[in-house]
Amino acid sequence: MSLKHLAAVACASLFLSLGCSTEVVVRSPPPAEREEVVTAAPSPEHLWIKGNWHWSGREYVWTPGRWEIRRAGAVWQAGRWRESGGGWVWVEGRWIDR
């Protein structure tokens, strides 16, 4: 296979992957959030990331909260379920630069 052919295949793959959506639309709304017992932080540099419901493909499954080390110059945007196309889509939590 020539270098020119490999480059064309790579470009086509990138183009196709950018047009694909990996969102999973769940028809039933997520259950109410669970109350969690938040233990003392391991250090002042830790931030509590609350637990949330995730879709297993058949049902909602609770993922417990956790402590995570803060990232310098960033803030945590919590994950959330949003309504979309007659169902619910999970938006993953992430660190956002200030």
PDB file of N, CA and C in Angstrom:
ATOM      1  N   MET A   1       0.858  -1.173   0.000  1.00  0.00           N
ATOM      2  CA  MET A   1       0.000   0.000   0.000  1.00  0.00           C
ATOM      3  C   MET A   1       0.907   1.240   0.000  1.00  0.00           C
ATOM      4  N   SER A   2       0.608   2.197  -0.853  1.00  0.00           N
ATOM      5  CA  SER A   2       1.437   3.393  -0.960  1.00  0.00           C
ATOM      6  C   SER A   2       1.143   4.372   0.171  1.00  0.00           C
ATOM      7  N   LEU A   3       2.083   5.272   0.393  1.00  0.00           N
ATOM      8  CA  LEU A   3       1.912   6.296   1.428  1.00  0.00           C
ATOM      9  C   LEU A   3       0.715   7.182   1.105  1.00  0.00           C
ATOM     10  N   LYS A   4       0.524   7.482  -0.185  1.00  0.00           N
ATOM     11  CA  LYS A   4      -0.612   8.305  -0.611  1.00  0.00           C
ATOM     12  C   LYS A   4      -1.935   7.603  -0.285  1.00  0.00           C
ATOM     13  N   HIS A   5      -1.989   6.287  -0.517  1.00  0.00           N
ATOM     14  CA  HIS A   5      -3.196   5.511  -0.225  1.00  0.00           C
ATOM     15  C   HIS A   5      -3.459   5.467   1.284  1.00  0.00           C
ATOM     16  N   LEU A   6      -2.410   5.273   2.066  1.00  0.00           N
ATOM     17  CA  LEU A   6      -2.560   5.255   3.537  1.00  0.00           C
ATOM     18  C   LEU A   6      -3.079   6.589   4.051  1.00  0.00           C
ATOM     19  N   ALA A   7      -2.561   7.679   3.493  1.00  0.00           N
ATOM     20  CA  ALA A   7      -3.018   9.008   3.909  1.00  0.00           C
ATOM     21  C   ALA A   7      -4.490   9.207   3.581  1.00  0.00           C
ATOM     22  N   ALA A   8      -4.912   8.738   2.407  1.00  0.00           N
ATOM     23  CA  ALA A   8      -6.320   8.866   2.014  1.00  0.00           C
ATOM     24  C   ALA A   8      -7.227   8.064   2.948  1.00  0.00           C
ATOM     25  N   VAL A   9      -6.805   6.849   3.300  1.00  0.00           N
ATOM     26  CA  VAL A   9      -7.587   6.011   4.217  1.00  0.00           C
ATOM     27  C   VAL A   9      -7.683   6.677   5.579  1.00  0.00           C
ATOM     28  N   ALA A  10      -6.565   7.223   6.071  1.00  0.00           N
ATOM     29  CA  ALA A  10      -6.563   7.898   7.376  1.00  0.00           C
ATOM     30  C   ALA A  10      -7.499   9.098   7.366  1.00  0.00           C
ATOM     31  N   CYS A  11      -7.469   9.898   6.303  1.00  0.00           N
ATOM     32  CA  CYS A  11      -8.348  11.071   6.211  1.00  0.00           C
ATOM     33  C   CYS A  11      -9.819  10.654   6.163  1.00  0.00           C
ATOM     34  N   ALA A  12     -10.120   9.619   5.400  1.00  0.00           N
ATOM     35  CA  ALA A  12     -11.505   9.140   5.309  1.00  0.00           C
ATOM     36  C   ALA A  12     -11.990   8.637   6.661  1.00  0.00           C
ATOM     37  N   SER A  13     -11.131   7.917   7.363  1.00  0.00           N
ATOM     38  CA  SER A  13     -11.504   7.404   8.690  1.00  0.00           C
ATOM     39  C   SER A  13     -11.792   8.543   9.652  1.00  0.00           C
ATOM     40  N   LEU A  14     -10.944   9.566   9.629  1.00  0.00           N
ATOM     41  CA  LEU A  14     -11.152  10.721  10.502  1.00  0.00           C
ATOM     42  C   LEU A  14     -12.458  11.418  10.155  1.00  0.00           C
ATOM     43  N   PHE A  15     -12.716  11.629   8.872  1.00  0.00           N
ATOM     44  CA  PHE A  15     -13.947  12.283   8.430  1.00  0.00           C
ATOM     45  C   PHE A  15     -15.184  11.514   8.889  1.00  0.00           C
ATOM     46  N   LEU A  16     -15.167  10.195   8.721  1.00  0.00           N
ATOM     47  CA  LEU A  16     -16.308   9.376   9.109  1.00  0.00           C
ATOM     48  C   LEU A  16     -16.509   9.372  10.613  1.00  0.00           C
ATOM     49  N   SER A  17     -15.418   9.334  11.384  1.00  0.00           N
ATOM     50  CA  SER A  17     -15.565   9.304  12.846  1.00  0.00           C
ATOM     51  C   SER A  17     -16.094  10.614  13.387  1.00  0.00           C
ATOM     52  N   LEU A  18     -15.765  11.729  12.743  1.00  0.00           N
ATOM     53  CA  LEU A  18     -16.276  13.020  13.200  1.00  0.00           C
ATOM     54  C   LEU A  18     -17.768  13.140  12.969  1.00  0.00           C
ATOM     55  N   GLY A  19     -18.300  12.457  11.971  1.00  0.00           N
ATOM     56  CA  GLY A  19     -19.718  12.532  11.666  1.00  0.00           C
ATOM     57  C   GLY A  19     -20.564  11.564  12.465  1.00  0.00           C
ATOM     58  N   CYS A  20     -19.958  10.669  13.215  1.00  0.00           N
ATOM     59  CA  CYS A  20     -20.700   9.656  13.967  1.00  0.00           C
ATOM     60  C   CYS A  20     -20.998  10.148  15.368  1.00  0.00           C
ATOM     61  N   SER A  21     -22.142   9.823  15.861  1.00  0.00           N
ATOM     62  CA  SER A  21     -22.526  10.181  17.220  1.00  0.00           C
ATOM     63  C   SER A  21     -22.472   8.935  18.089  1.00  0.00           C
ATOM     64  N   THR A  22     -21.906   9.086  19.278  1.00  0.00           N
ATOM     65  CA  THR A  22     -21.852   7.959  20.202  1.00  0.00           C
ATOM     66  C   THR A  22     -22.859   8.126  21.327  1.00  0.00           C
ATOM     67  N   GLU A  23     -23.745   9.112  21.197  1.00  0.00           N
ATOM     68  CA  GLU A  23     -24.744   9.323  22.232  1.00  0.00           C
ATOM     69  C   GLU A  23     -25.722   8.161  22.282  1.00  0.00           C
ATOM     70  N   VAL A  24     -26.008   7.735  23.484  1.00  0.00           N
ATOM     71  CA  VAL A  24     -27.028   6.711  23.700  1.00  0.00           C
ATOM     72  C   VAL A  24     -28.233   7.409  24.305  1.00  0.00           C
ATOM     73  N   VAL A  25     -29.365   7.331  23.650  1.00  0.00           N
ATOM     74  CA  VAL A  25     -30.592   7.950  24.152  1.00  0.00           C
ATOM     75  C   VAL A  25     -31.367   6.887  24.908  1.00  0.00           C
ATOM     76  N   VAL A  26     -31.613   7.167  26.190  1.00  0.00           N
ATOM     77  CA  VAL A  26     -32.351   6.257  27.063  1.00  0.00           C
ATOM     78  C   VAL A  26     -33.779   6.783  27.149  1.00  0.00           C
ATOM     79  N   ARG A  27     -34.743   5.940  26.886  1.00  0.00           N
ATOM     80  CA  ARG A  27     -36.145   6.380  26.828  1.00  0.00           C
ATOM     81  C   ARG A  27     -36.754   6.719  28.187  1.00  0.00           C
ATOM     82  N   SER A  28     -36.286   6.081  29.263  1.00  0.00           N
ATOM     83  CA  SER A  28     -36.844   6.375  30.590  1.00  0.00           C
ATOM     84  C   SER A  28     -35.915   7.325  31.345  1.00  0.00           C
ATOM     85  N   PRO A  29     -36.483   8.234  32.133  1.00  0.00           N
ATOM     86  CA  PRO A  29     -35.645   9.181  32.870  1.00  0.00           C
ATOM     87  C   PRO A  29     -34.834   8.470  33.961  1.00  0.00           C
ATOM     88  N   PRO A  30     -33.699   9.050  34.335  1.00  0.00           N
ATOM     89  CA  PRO A  30     -32.902   8.438  35.404  1.00  0.00           C
ATOM     90  C   PRO A  30     -33.628   8.551  36.743  1.00  0.00           C
ATOM     91  N   PRO A  31     -33.349   7.617  37.660  1.00  0.00           N
ATOM     92  CA  PRO A  31     -33.929   7.721  39.006  1.00  0.00           C
ATOM     93  C   PRO A  31     -33.399   8.969  39.723  1.00  0.00           C
ATOM     94  N   ALA A  32     -34.031   9.292  40.840  1.00  0.00           N
ATOM     95  CA  ALA A  32     -33.556  10.415  41.651  1.00  0.00           C
ATOM     96  C   ALA A  32     -32.148  10.117  42.156  1.00  0.00           C
ATOM     97  N   GLU A  33     -31.361  11.172  42.324  1.00  0.00           N
ATOM     98  CA  GLU A  33     -30.008  10.993  42.847  1.00  0.00           C
ATOM     99  C   GLU A  33     -30.057  10.376  44.229  1.00  0.00           C
ATOM    100  N   ARG A  34     -29.066   9.586  44.535  1.00  0.00           N
ATOM    101  CA  ARG A  34     -28.957   8.999  45.871  1.00  0.00           C
ATOM    102  C   ARG A  34     -28.205   9.946  46.783  1.00  0.00           C
ATOM    103  N   GLU A  35     -28.588   9.916  48.056  1.00  0.00           N
ATOM    104  CA  GLU A  35     -27.813  10.659  49.041  1.00  0.00           C
ATOM    105  C   GLU A  35     -26.607   9.823  49.395  1.00  0.00           C
ATOM    106  N   GLU A  36     -25.452  10.457  49.438  1.00  0.00           N
ATOM    107  CA  GLU A  36     -24.225   9.751  49.757  1.00  0.00           C
ATOM    108  C   GLU A  36     -23.616  10.313  51.027  1.00  0.00           C
ATOM    109  N   VAL A  37     -22.951   9.458  51.765  1.00  0.00           N
ATOM    110  CA  VAL A  37     -22.197   9.900  52.932  1.00  0.00           C
ATOM    111  C   VAL A  37     -20.820  10.293  52.426  1.00  0.00           C
ATOM    112  N   VAL A  38     -20.508  11.569  52.573  1.00  0.00           N
ATOM    113  CA  VAL A  38     -19.216  12.073  52.112  1.00  0.00           C
ATOM    114  C   VAL A  38     -18.260  12.064  53.294  1.00  0.00           C
ATOM    115  N   THR A  39     -17.223  11.255  53.183  1.00  0.00           N
ATOM    116  CA  THR A  39     -16.230  11.166  54.253  1.00  0.00           C
ATOM    117  C   THR A  39     -15.310  12.378  54.201  1.00  0.00           C
ATOM    118  N   ALA A  40     -14.460  12.510  55.217  1.00  0.00           N
ATOM    119  CA  ALA A  40     -13.503  13.610  55.246  1.00  0.00           C
ATOM    120  C   ALA A  40     -12.559  13.500  54.050  1.00  0.00           C
ATOM    121  N   ALA A  41     -12.224  14.636  53.481  1.00  0.00           N
ATOM    122  CA  ALA A  41     -11.319  14.651  52.323  1.00  0.00           C
ATOM    123  C   ALA A  41      -9.947  14.116  52.722  1.00  0.00           C
ATOM    124  N   PRO A  42      -9.324  13.344  51.844  1.00  0.00           N
ATOM    125  CA  PRO A  42      -7.985  12.833  52.138  1.00  0.00           C
ATOM    126  C   PRO A  42      -6.962  13.958  52.326  1.00  0.00           C
ATOM    127  N   SER A  43      -7.206  15.105  51.656  1.00  0.00           N
ATOM    128  CA  SER A  43      -6.326  16.271  51.801  1.00  0.00           C
ATOM    129  C   SER A  43      -7.084  17.493  51.300  1.00  0.00           C
ATOM    130  N   PRO A  44      -6.570  18.704  51.585  1.00  0.00           N
ATOM    131  CA  PRO A  44      -7.228  19.913  51.074  1.00  0.00           C
ATOM    132  C   PRO A  44      -7.218  19.998  49.542  1.00  0.00           C
ATOM    133  N   GLU A  45      -6.372  19.223  48.898  1.00  0.00           N
ATOM    134  CA  GLU A  45      -6.280  19.244  47.438  1.00  0.00           C
ATOM    135  C   GLU A  45      -7.329  18.359  46.772  1.00  0.00           C
ATOM    136  N   HIS A  46      -8.141  17.655  47.554  1.00  0.00           N
ATOM    137  CA  HIS A  46      -9.147  16.748  46.992  1.00  0.00           C
ATOM    138  C   HIS A  46     -10.513  17.418  46.878  1.00  0.00           C
ATOM    139  N   LEU A  47     -11.255  17.018  45.851  1.00  0.00           N
ATOM    140  CA  LEU A  47     -12.615  17.501  45.598  1.00  0.00           C
ATOM    141  C   LEU A  47     -13.532  16.292  45.502  1.00  0.00           C
ATOM    142  N   TRP A  48     -14.709  16.379  46.110  1.00  0.00           N
ATOM    143  CA  TRP A  48     -15.690  15.295  46.042  1.00  0.00           C
ATOM    144  C   TRP A  48     -16.423  15.360  44.709  1.00  0.00           C
ATOM    145  N   ILE A  49     -16.397  14.262  43.970  1.00  0.00           N
ATOM    146  CA  ILE A  49     -17.146  14.123  42.723  1.00  0.00           C
ATOM    147  C   ILE A  49     -18.347  13.238  43.062  1.00  0.00           C
ATOM    148  N   LYS A  50     -19.549  13.820  43.031  1.00  0.00           N
ATOM    149  CA  LYS A  50     -20.730  13.075  43.474  1.00  0.00           C
ATOM    150  C   LYS A  50     -21.043  11.906  42.545  1.00  0.00           C
ATOM    151  N   GLY A  51     -21.717  10.922  43.104  1.00  0.00           N
ATOM    152  CA  GLY A  51     -22.119   9.752  42.335  1.00  0.00           C
ATOM    153  C   GLY A  51     -23.241  10.083  41.363  1.00  0.00           C
ATOM    154  N   ASN A  52     -23.508   9.162  40.452  1.00  0.00           N
ATOM    155  CA  ASN A  52     -24.563   9.395  39.471  1.00  0.00           C
ATOM    156  C   ASN A  52     -25.023   8.071  38.873  1.00  0.00           C
ATOM    157  N   TRP A  53     -26.142   8.152  38.188  1.00  0.00           N
ATOM    158  CA  TRP A  53     -26.697   6.985  37.502  1.00  0.00           C
ATOM    159  C   TRP A  53     -26.095   6.868  36.108  1.00  0.00           C
ATOM    160  N   HIS A  54     -25.720   5.657  35.721  1.00  0.00           N
ATOM    161  CA  HIS A  54     -25.255   5.370  34.360  1.00  0.00           C
ATOM    162  C   HIS A  54     -26.149   4.295  33.764  1.00  0.00           C
ATOM    163  N   TRP A  55     -26.282   4.310  32.450  1.00  0.00           N
ATOM    164  CA  TRP A  55     -27.100   3.336  31.741  1.00  0.00           C
ATOM    165  C   TRP A  55     -26.228   2.144  31.361  1.00  0.00           C
ATOM    166  N   SER A  56     -26.624   0.947  31.762  1.00  0.00           N
ATOM    167  CA  SER A  56     -25.844  -0.263  31.483  1.00  0.00           C
ATOM    168  C   SER A  56     -26.178  -0.860  30.119  1.00  0.00           C
ATOM    169  N   GLY A  57     -27.198  -0.329  29.482  1.00  0.00           N
ATOM    170  CA  GLY A  57     -27.695  -0.921  28.238  1.00  0.00           C
ATOM    171  C   GLY A  57     -29.039  -1.590  28.472  1.00  0.00           C
ATOM    172  N   ARG A  58     -29.325  -1.885  29.754  1.00  0.00           N
ATOM    173  CA  ARG A  58     -30.616  -2.501  30.131  1.00  0.00           C
ATOM    174  C   ARG A  58     -31.291  -1.765  31.273  1.00  0.00           C
ATOM    175  N   GLU A  59     -30.466  -1.155  32.149  1.00  0.00           N
ATOM    176  CA  GLU A  59     -31.015  -0.494  33.340  1.00  0.00           C
ATOM    177  C   GLU A  59     -30.035   0.549  33.853  1.00  0.00           C
ATOM    178  N   TYR A  60     -30.553   1.403  34.737  1.00  0.00           N
ATOM    179  CA  TYR A  60     -29.691   2.383  35.386  1.00  0.00           C
ATOM    180  C   TYR A  60     -28.924   1.700  36.520  1.00  0.00           C
ATOM    181  N   VAL A  61     -27.634   2.030  36.619  1.00  0.00           N
ATOM    182  CA  VAL A  61     -26.765   1.476  37.652  1.00  0.00           C
ATOM    183  C   VAL A  61     -26.086   2.648  38.346  1.00  0.00           C
ATOM    184  N   TRP A  62     -26.093   2.635  39.683  1.00  0.00           N
ATOM    185  CA  TRP A  62     -25.485   3.725  40.454  1.00  0.00           C
ATOM    186  C   TRP A  62     -23.968   3.590  40.492  1.00  0.00           C
ATOM    187  N   THR A  63     -23.286   4.678  40.179  1.00  0.00           N
ATOM    188  CA  THR A  63     -21.830   4.764  40.315  1.00  0.00           C
ATOM    189  C   THR A  63     -21.561   5.684  41.499  1.00  0.00           C
ATOM    190  N   PRO A  64     -20.948   5.170  42.568  1.00  0.00           N
ATOM    191  CA  PRO A  64     -20.747   5.990  43.766  1.00  0.00           C
ATOM    192  C   PRO A  64     -19.776   7.148  43.534  1.00  0.00           C
ATOM    193  N   GLY A  65     -19.908   8.157  44.385  1.00  0.00           N
ATOM    194  CA  GLY A  65     -19.015   9.308  44.331  1.00  0.00           C
ATOM    195  C   GLY A  65     -17.593   8.911  44.724  1.00  0.00           C
ATOM    196  N   ARG A  66     -16.682   9.860  44.496  1.00  0.00           N
ATOM    197  CA  ARG A  66     -15.275   9.587  44.776  1.00  0.00           C
ATOM    198  C   ARG A  66     -14.529  10.891  45.039  1.00  0.00           C
ATOM    199  N   TRP A  67     -13.394  10.769  45.684  1.00  0.00           N
ATOM    200  CA  TRP A  67     -12.499  11.903  45.869  1.00  0.00           C
ATOM    201  C   TRP A  67     -11.541  11.953  44.696  1.00  0.00           C
ATOM    202  N   GLU A  68     -11.297  13.153  44.189  1.00  0.00           N
ATOM    203  CA  GLU A  68     -10.350  13.328  43.093  1.00  0.00           C
ATOM    204  C   GLU A  68      -9.472  14.534  43.401  1.00  0.00           C
ATOM    205  N   ILE A  69      -8.215  14.457  43.036  1.00  0.00           N
ATOM    206  CA  ILE A  69      -7.300  15.583  43.282  1.00  0.00           C
ATOM    207  C   ILE A  69      -7.674  16.733  42.355  1.00  0.00           C
ATOM    208  N   ARG A  70      -7.744  17.931  42.934  1.00  0.00           N
ATOM    209  CA  ARG A  70      -8.083  19.121  42.152  1.00  0.00           C
ATOM    210  C   ARG A  70      -7.010  19.366  41.099  1.00  0.00           C
ATOM    211  N   ARG A  71      -7.430  19.922  39.997  1.00  0.00           N
ATOM    212  CA  ARG A  71      -6.484  20.275  38.939  1.00  0.00           C
ATOM    213  C   ARG A  71      -6.254  21.777  38.968  1.00  0.00           C
ATOM    214  N   ALA A  72      -5.008  22.159  39.011  1.00  0.00           N
ATOM    215  CA  ALA A  72      -4.651  23.581  39.066  1.00  0.00           C
ATOM    216  C   ALA A  72      -5.216  24.309  37.853  1.00  0.00           C
ATOM    217  N   GLY A  73      -5.858  25.442  38.102  1.00  0.00           N
ATOM    218  CA  GLY A  73      -6.387  26.258  37.015  1.00  0.00           C
ATOM    219  C   GLY A  73      -7.630  25.710  36.357  1.00  0.00           C
ATOM    220  N   ALA A  74      -8.304  24.743  37.006  1.00  0.00           N
ATOM    221  CA  ALA A  74      -9.500  24.147  36.403  1.00  0.00           C
ATOM    222  C   ALA A  74     -10.603  24.004  37.449  1.00  0.00           C
ATOM    223  N   VAL A  75     -11.827  23.961  36.980  1.00  0.00           N
ATOM    224  CA  VAL A  75     -12.989  23.718  37.840  1.00  0.00           C
ATOM    225  C   VAL A  75     -13.709  22.481  37.324  1.00  0.00           C
ATOM    226  N   TRP A  76     -14.377  21.767  38.233  1.00  0.00           N
ATOM    227  CA  TRP A  76     -15.103  20.556  37.857  1.00  0.00           C
ATOM    228  C   TRP A  76     -16.512  20.911  37.426  1.00  0.00           C
ATOM    229  N   GLN A  77     -16.910  20.444  36.249  1.00  0.00           N
ATOM    230  CA  GLN A  77     -18.289  20.564  35.785  1.00  0.00           C
ATOM    231  C   GLN A  77     -18.897  19.174  35.925  1.00  0.00           C
ATOM    232  N   ALA A  78     -19.857  19.038  36.821  1.00  0.00           N
ATOM    233  CA  ALA A  78     -20.449  17.735  37.119  1.00  0.00           C
ATOM    234  C   ALA A  78     -21.168  17.156  35.904  1.00  0.00           C
ATOM    235  N   GLY A  79     -21.150  15.837  35.803  1.00  0.00           N
ATOM    236  CA  GLY A  79     -21.902  15.149  34.766  1.00  0.00           C
ATOM    237  C   GLY A  79     -23.393  15.315  35.033  1.00  0.00           C
ATOM    238  N   ARG A  80     -24.187  15.151  33.986  1.00  0.00           N
ATOM    239  CA  ARG A  80     -25.629  15.331  34.160  1.00  0.00           C
ATOM    240  C   ARG A  80     -26.373  14.611  33.041  1.00  0.00           C
ATOM    241  N   TRP A  81     -27.628  14.303  33.310  1.00  0.00           N
ATOM    242  CA  TRP A  81     -28.520  13.765  32.287  1.00  0.00           C
ATOM    243  C   TRP A  81     -29.259  14.937  31.676  1.00  0.00           C
ATOM    244  N   ARG A  82     -29.353  14.967  30.349  1.00  0.00           N
ATOM    245  CA  ARG A  82     -30.137  16.015  29.678  1.00  0.00           C
ATOM    246  C   ARG A  82     -31.165  15.359  28.764  1.00  0.00           C
ATOM    247  N   GLU A  83     -32.302  16.011  28.650  1.00  0.00           N
ATOM    248  CA  GLU A  83     -33.344  15.504  27.756  1.00  0.00           C
ATOM    249  C   GLU A  83     -32.915  15.755  26.312  1.00  0.00           C
ATOM    250  N   SER A  84     -33.152  14.749  25.459  1.00  0.00           N
ATOM    251  CA  SER A  84     -32.748  14.865  24.059  1.00  0.00           C
ATOM    252  C   SER A  84     -33.508  13.854  23.211  1.00  0.00           C
ATOM    253  N   GLY A  85     -34.118  14.312  22.168  1.00  0.00           N
ATOM    254  CA  GLY A  85     -34.768  13.423  21.203  1.00  0.00           C
ATOM    255  C   GLY A  85     -35.757  12.453  21.808  1.00  0.00           C
ATOM    256  N   GLY A  86     -36.571  12.913  22.733  1.00  0.00           N
ATOM    257  CA  GLY A  86     -37.578  12.044  23.336  1.00  0.00           C
ATOM    258  C   GLY A  86     -37.020  11.096  24.387  1.00  0.00           C
ATOM    259  N   GLY A  87     -35.824  11.359  24.863  1.00  0.00           N
ATOM    260  CA  GLY A  87     -35.212  10.512  25.887  1.00  0.00           C
ATOM    261  C   GLY A  87     -34.188  11.288  26.686  1.00  0.00           C
ATOM    262  N   TRP A  88     -33.236  10.566  27.245  1.00  0.00           N
ATOM    263  CA  TRP A  88     -32.226  11.148  28.119  1.00  0.00           C
ATOM    264  C   TRP A  88     -30.838  10.727  27.651  1.00  0.00           C
ATOM    265  N   VAL A  89     -29.898  11.686  27.682  1.00  0.00           N
ATOM    266  CA  VAL A  89     -28.522  11.449  27.259  1.00  0.00           C
ATOM    267  C   VAL A  89     -27.590  11.872  28.389  1.00  0.00           C
ATOM    268  N   TRP A  90     -26.582  11.043  28.681  1.00  0.00           N
ATOM    269  CA  TRP A  90     -25.608  11.358  29.724  1.00  0.00           C
ATOM    270  C   TRP A  90     -24.529  12.278  29.165  1.00  0.00           C
ATOM    271  N   VAL A  91     -24.263  13.383  29.869  1.00  0.00           N
ATOM    272  CA  VAL A  91     -23.181  14.305  29.544  1.00  0.00           C
ATOM    273  C   VAL A  91     -22.119  14.106  30.619  1.00  0.00           C
ATOM    274  N   GLU A  92     -20.986  13.574  30.232  1.00  0.00           N
ATOM    275  CA  GLU A  92     -19.914  13.222  31.173  1.00  0.00           C
ATOM    276  C   GLU A  92     -19.373  14.459  31.880  1.00  0.00           C
ATOM    277  N   GLY A  93     -19.055  14.312  33.178  1.00  0.00           N
ATOM    278  CA  GLY A  93     -18.416  15.383  33.924  1.00  0.00           C
ATOM    279  C   GLY A  93     -16.996  15.587  33.415  1.00  0.00           C
ATOM    280  N   ARG A  94     -16.478  16.818  33.618  1.00  0.00           N
ATOM    281  CA  ARG A  94     -15.121  17.080  33.128  1.00  0.00           C
ATOM    282  C   ARG A  94     -14.512  18.284  33.825  1.00  0.00           C
ATOM    283  N   TRP A  95     -13.219  18.358  33.736  1.00  0.00           N
ATOM    284  CA  TRP A  95     -12.476  19.527  34.233  1.00  0.00           C
ATOM    285  C   TRP A  95     -12.454  20.581  33.142  1.00  0.00           C
ATOM    286  N   ILE A  96     -12.724  21.833  33.519  1.00  0.00           N
ATOM    287  CA  ILE A  96     -12.726  22.943  32.566  1.00  0.00           C
ATOM    288  C   ILE A  96     -11.683  23.958  33.015  1.00  0.00           C
ATOM    289  N   ASP A  97     -10.822  24.349  32.094  1.00  0.00           N
ATOM    290  CA  ASP A  97      -9.825  25.381  32.406  1.00  0.00           C
ATOM    291  C   ASP A  97     -10.522  26.675  32.714  1.00  0.00           C
ATOM    292  N   ARG A  98      -9.998  27.380  33.713  1.00  0.00           N
ATOM    293  CA  ARG A  98     -10.593  28.685  34.086  1.00  0.00           C
ATOM    294  C   ARG A  98     -10.218  29.754  33.103  1.00  0.00           C
TER     295      ARG A  98
END
